[in-house]
Amino acid sequence: MSCGKPHETDCSEVLAEVWLFLDHECDVERRQLLEKHLDECSPCLEQFGIEEHLKVLLARKCGGEHAPESLKQRLREKIRTTVIEQTTVTVRRDVP
């Protein structure tokens, strides 16, 4: 996706990293670049809003059941690996 306007960070890159942004899994510098892009780009901000609402909905609907820690860890690693393969990002490994 691209809004057609030049940005420091490409729209497709921002959207690929929305979940890292929402989960606070990107470093401060990357977070600032993503925030700047979202402030400048209404199509990306709209998509970000949809993703944010989805995350809240999932937490509300699935929050009562707790997955085993081993499953959560495997999912985190798979998500990180997939995101890294799709874009160039810095992933913080110190977040549980």
N, C-alpha and C. Protein backbone atom coordinates (compact mmCIF):
# COMPACT_ATOMS: atom_id res chain seq x y z
N MET A 1 0.84 -1.18 0.00
CA MET A 1 0.00 0.00 0.00
C MET A 1 0.89 1.24 0.00
N SER A 2 0.47 2.23 -0.71
CA SER A 2 1.16 3.50 -0.72
C SER A 2 0.14 4.59 -0.95
N CYS A 3 0.29 5.69 -0.24
CA CYS A 3 -0.64 6.80 -0.41
C CYS A 3 -0.23 7.67 -1.58
N GLY A 4 0.94 7.42 -2.16
CA GLY A 4 1.41 8.18 -3.30
C GLY A 4 2.25 9.39 -2.93
N LYS A 5 2.35 9.68 -1.66
CA LYS A 5 3.16 10.81 -1.21
C LYS A 5 4.50 10.31 -0.71
N PRO A 6 5.56 11.11 -0.90
CA PRO A 6 6.87 10.67 -0.41
C PRO A 6 6.95 10.79 1.13
N HIS A 7 7.46 9.75 1.75
CA HIS A 7 7.64 9.72 3.20
C HIS A 7 9.04 9.19 3.50
N GLU A 8 9.54 9.52 4.66
CA GLU A 8 10.83 9.00 5.10
C GLU A 8 10.77 7.47 5.21
N THR A 9 9.63 6.97 5.67
CA THR A 9 9.41 5.53 5.81
C THR A 9 8.27 5.14 4.87
N ASP A 10 8.47 4.12 4.04
CA ASP A 10 7.48 3.68 3.08
C ASP A 10 6.22 3.15 3.77
N CYS A 11 5.06 3.40 3.16
CA CYS A 11 3.78 2.96 3.72
C CYS A 11 3.75 1.45 3.98
N SER A 12 4.22 0.66 3.02
CA SER A 12 4.17 -0.80 3.18
C SER A 12 5.04 -1.24 4.35
N GLU A 13 6.14 -0.55 4.57
CA GLU A 13 7.02 -0.86 5.70
C GLU A 13 6.32 -0.55 7.02
N VAL A 14 5.64 0.58 7.08
CA VAL A 14 4.93 0.98 8.29
C VAL A 14 3.83 -0.04 8.61
N LEU A 15 3.05 -0.40 7.61
CA LEU A 15 1.95 -1.34 7.84
C LEU A 15 2.46 -2.73 8.22
N ALA A 16 3.62 -3.11 7.72
CA ALA A 16 4.20 -4.40 8.09
C ALA A 16 4.64 -4.42 9.55
N GLU A 17 4.87 -3.23 10.10
CA GLU A 17 5.37 -3.14 11.48
C GLU A 17 4.31 -2.67 12.48
N VAL A 18 3.07 -2.56 12.05
CA VAL A 18 2.01 -2.06 12.94
C VAL A 18 1.92 -2.88 14.23
N TRP A 19 1.98 -4.20 14.13
CA TRP A 19 1.83 -5.02 15.34
C TRP A 19 3.03 -4.85 16.26
N LEU A 20 4.23 -4.70 15.70
CA LEU A 20 5.40 -4.43 16.54
C LEU A 20 5.22 -3.11 17.27
N PHE A 21 4.69 -2.12 16.56
CA PHE A 21 4.43 -0.81 17.14
C PHE A 21 3.40 -0.92 18.26
N LEU A 22 2.29 -1.60 17.99
CA LEU A 22 1.23 -1.75 18.99
C LEU A 22 1.69 -2.51 20.23
N ASP A 23 2.59 -3.47 20.03
CA ASP A 23 3.08 -4.29 21.14
C ASP A 23 4.34 -3.72 21.78
N HIS A 24 4.74 -2.53 21.36
CA HIS A 24 5.94 -1.86 21.90
C HIS A 24 7.17 -2.74 21.76
N GLU A 25 7.30 -3.39 20.61
CA GLU A 25 8.43 -4.28 20.36
C GLU A 25 9.47 -3.70 19.41
N CYS A 26 9.34 -2.43 19.06
CA CYS A 26 10.37 -1.80 18.25
C CYS A 26 11.11 -0.78 19.12
N ASP A 27 12.35 -0.48 18.73
CA ASP A 27 13.13 0.44 19.55
C ASP A 27 12.58 1.86 19.45
N VAL A 28 13.04 2.74 20.31
CA VAL A 28 12.51 4.10 20.42
C VAL A 28 12.65 4.86 19.10
N GLU A 29 13.81 4.73 18.46
CA GLU A 29 14.04 5.43 17.20
C GLU A 29 13.05 4.99 16.12
N ARG A 30 12.85 3.68 16.01
CA ARG A 30 11.92 3.15 15.00
C ARG A 30 10.49 3.57 15.33
N ARG A 31 10.15 3.54 16.60
CA ARG A 31 8.81 3.95 17.04
C ARG A 31 8.54 5.41 16.64
N GLN A 32 9.54 6.27 16.81
CA GLN A 32 9.38 7.67 16.44
C GLN A 32 9.18 7.84 14.93
N LEU A 33 9.92 7.07 14.13
CA LEU A 33 9.74 7.12 12.67
C LEU A 33 8.33 6.67 12.27
N LEU A 34 7.85 5.60 12.92
CA LEU A 34 6.52 5.11 12.61
C LEU A 34 5.45 6.12 13.03
N GLU A 35 5.61 6.71 14.22
CA GLU A 35 4.67 7.73 14.69
C GLU A 35 4.63 8.92 13.74
N LYS A 36 5.80 9.34 13.29
CA LYS A 36 5.88 10.47 12.35
C LYS A 36 5.13 10.14 11.07
N HIS A 37 5.35 8.95 10.55
CA HIS A 37 4.65 8.53 9.33
C HIS A 37 3.14 8.52 9.55
N LEU A 38 2.70 7.94 10.66
CA LEU A 38 1.27 7.87 10.94
C LEU A 38 0.65 9.26 11.08
N ASP A 39 1.41 10.21 11.62
CA ASP A 39 0.93 11.59 11.73
C ASP A 39 0.77 12.25 10.36
N GLU A 40 1.60 11.85 9.39
CA GLU A 40 1.61 12.46 8.06
C GLU A 40 0.69 11.75 7.06
N CYS A 41 0.36 10.50 7.31
CA CYS A 41 -0.28 9.67 6.28
C CYS A 41 -1.64 9.15 6.77
N SER A 42 -2.71 9.76 6.31
CA SER A 42 -4.03 9.36 6.78
C SER A 42 -4.43 7.93 6.37
N PRO A 43 -4.07 7.42 5.17
CA PRO A 43 -4.42 6.03 4.86
C PRO A 43 -3.75 5.03 5.83
N CYS A 44 -2.50 5.29 6.17
CA CYS A 44 -1.82 4.40 7.12
C CYS A 44 -2.40 4.55 8.52
N LEU A 45 -2.73 5.77 8.90
CA LEU A 45 -3.33 6.00 10.21
C LEU A 45 -4.66 5.28 10.32
N GLU A 46 -5.44 5.30 9.24
CA GLU A 46 -6.71 4.59 9.23
C GLU A 46 -6.49 3.08 9.40
N GLN A 47 -5.53 2.53 8.65
CA GLN A 47 -5.23 1.10 8.76
C GLN A 47 -4.72 0.78 10.16
N PHE A 48 -3.88 1.65 10.71
CA PHE A 48 -3.37 1.48 12.07
C PHE A 48 -4.54 1.43 13.05
N GLY A 49 -5.52 2.31 12.87
CA GLY A 49 -6.69 2.33 13.75
C GLY A 49 -7.45 1.02 13.71
N ILE A 50 -7.58 0.45 12.51
CA ILE A 50 -8.26 -0.84 12.37
C ILE A 50 -7.49 -1.92 13.12
N GLU A 51 -6.18 -1.94 12.95
CA GLU A 51 -5.34 -2.94 13.64
C GLU A 51 -5.42 -2.76 15.15
N GLU A 52 -5.43 -1.51 15.60
CA GLU A 52 -5.50 -1.22 17.03
C GLU A 52 -6.83 -1.71 17.60
N HIS A 53 -7.91 -1.45 16.89
CA HIS A 53 -9.23 -1.92 17.33
C HIS A 53 -9.29 -3.45 17.34
N LEU A 54 -8.68 -4.07 16.36
CA LEU A 54 -8.64 -5.53 16.31
C LEU A 54 -7.90 -6.08 17.52
N LYS A 55 -6.79 -5.46 17.87
CA LYS A 55 -6.02 -5.92 19.03
C LYS A 55 -6.86 -5.80 20.31
N VAL A 56 -7.56 -4.69 20.47
CA VAL A 56 -8.41 -4.49 21.65
C VAL A 56 -9.53 -5.52 21.68
N LEU A 57 -10.15 -5.75 20.52
CA LEU A 57 -11.22 -6.74 20.43
C LEU A 57 -10.71 -8.14 20.79
N LEU A 58 -9.56 -8.51 20.24
CA LEU A 58 -8.99 -9.81 20.56
C LEU A 58 -8.69 -9.95 22.04
N ALA A 59 -8.16 -8.90 22.64
CA ALA A 59 -7.85 -8.93 24.06
C ALA A 59 -9.12 -9.09 24.89
N ARG A 60 -10.18 -8.39 24.47
CA ARG A 60 -11.44 -8.45 25.22
C ARG A 60 -12.11 -9.81 25.06
N LYS A 61 -12.13 -10.32 23.85
CA LYS A 61 -12.83 -11.58 23.58
C LYS A 61 -12.02 -12.81 23.99
N CYS A 62 -10.73 -12.72 23.93
CA CYS A 62 -9.89 -13.88 24.22
C CYS A 62 -9.09 -13.71 25.52
N GLY A 63 -9.29 -12.62 26.20
CA GLY A 63 -8.48 -12.30 27.38
C GLY A 63 -8.72 -13.21 28.57
N GLY A 64 -9.87 -13.87 28.64
CA GLY A 64 -10.16 -14.72 29.79
C GLY A 64 -9.44 -16.04 29.77
N GLU A 65 -9.08 -16.49 28.59
CA GLU A 65 -8.38 -17.76 28.48
C GLU A 65 -6.88 -17.48 28.33
N HIS A 66 -6.10 -18.25 29.02
CA HIS A 66 -4.66 -18.04 28.98
C HIS A 66 -3.97 -19.20 28.28
N ALA A 67 -3.23 -18.85 27.25
CA ALA A 67 -2.48 -19.86 26.52
C ALA A 67 -1.25 -20.25 27.33
N PRO A 68 -0.77 -21.47 27.16
CA PRO A 68 0.45 -21.88 27.85
C PRO A 68 1.62 -20.98 27.44
N GLU A 69 2.50 -20.71 28.37
CA GLU A 69 3.64 -19.83 28.10
C GLU A 69 4.48 -20.32 26.93
N SER A 70 4.63 -21.63 26.80
CA SER A 70 5.43 -22.16 25.69
C SER A 70 4.80 -21.81 24.34
N LEU A 71 3.48 -21.85 24.25
CA LEU A 71 2.80 -21.48 23.01
C LEU A 71 2.98 -19.99 22.72
N LYS A 72 2.83 -19.16 23.73
CA LYS A 72 3.01 -17.72 23.55
C LYS A 72 4.42 -17.40 23.06
N GLN A 73 5.40 -18.07 23.64
CA GLN A 73 6.79 -17.83 23.24
C GLN A 73 7.04 -18.26 21.80
N ARG A 74 6.49 -19.41 21.40
CA ARG A 74 6.64 -19.87 20.02
C ARG A 74 5.97 -18.89 19.05
N LEU A 75 4.80 -18.39 19.40
CA LEU A 75 4.11 -17.43 18.55
C LEU A 75 4.89 -16.12 18.43
N ARG A 76 5.44 -15.64 19.54
CA ARG A 76 6.24 -14.41 19.50
C ARG A 76 7.43 -14.58 18.56
N GLU A 77 8.11 -15.69 18.67
CA GLU A 77 9.28 -15.94 17.83
C GLU A 77 8.88 -16.04 16.36
N LYS A 78 7.78 -16.71 16.07
CA LYS A 78 7.33 -16.84 14.68
C LYS A 78 6.95 -15.49 14.10
N ILE A 79 6.26 -14.66 14.88
CA ILE A 79 5.89 -13.32 14.43
C ILE A 79 7.13 -12.49 14.17
N ARG A 80 8.07 -12.52 15.10
CA ARG A 80 9.31 -11.76 14.91
C ARG A 80 10.05 -12.20 13.66
N THR A 81 10.16 -13.51 13.47
CA THR A 81 10.86 -14.05 12.31
C THR A 81 10.17 -13.61 11.02
N THR A 82 8.86 -13.69 10.98
CA THR A 82 8.10 -13.30 9.80
C THR A 82 8.28 -11.82 9.49
N VAL A 83 8.20 -10.98 10.51
CA VAL A 83 8.36 -9.54 10.31
C VAL A 83 9.76 -9.22 9.83
N ILE A 84 10.76 -9.85 10.41
CA ILE A 84 12.15 -9.61 10.00
C ILE A 84 12.36 -10.04 8.56
N GLU A 85 11.75 -11.14 8.15
CA GLU A 85 11.88 -11.60 6.77
C GLU A 85 11.21 -10.64 5.79
N GLN A 86 10.15 -9.95 6.23
CA GLN A 86 9.41 -9.06 5.34
C GLN A 86 10.00 -7.67 5.25
N THR A 87 10.64 -7.21 6.31
CA THR A 87 11.19 -5.85 6.33
C THR A 87 12.48 -5.82 7.12
N THR A 88 13.12 -4.68 7.07
CA THR A 88 14.31 -4.48 7.89
C THR A 88 13.87 -3.72 9.13
N VAL A 89 13.87 -4.40 10.28
CA VAL A 89 13.43 -3.78 11.53
C VAL A 89 14.40 -4.15 12.65
N THR A 90 14.34 -3.40 13.71
CA THR A 90 15.07 -3.74 14.91
C THR A 90 14.07 -4.29 15.91
N VAL A 91 14.27 -5.53 16.35
CA VAL A 91 13.35 -6.18 17.27
C VAL A 91 14.01 -6.26 18.63
N ARG A 92 13.32 -5.75 19.65
CA ARG A 92 13.81 -5.85 21.01
C ARG A 92 13.56 -7.26 21.53
N ARG A 93 14.58 -7.88 22.02
CA ARG A 93 14.45 -9.25 22.53
C ARG A 93 14.23 -9.29 24.03
N ASP A 94 14.29 -8.13 24.71
CA ASP A 94 14.16 -8.11 26.15
C ASP A 94 12.72 -8.03 26.62
N VAL A 95 11.74 -7.96 25.70
CA VAL A 95 10.34 -7.88 26.07
C VAL A 95 9.79 -9.28 26.20
N PRO A 96 9.16 -9.60 27.33
CA PRO A 96 8.62 -10.97 27.50
C PRO A 96 7.47 -11.28 26.58
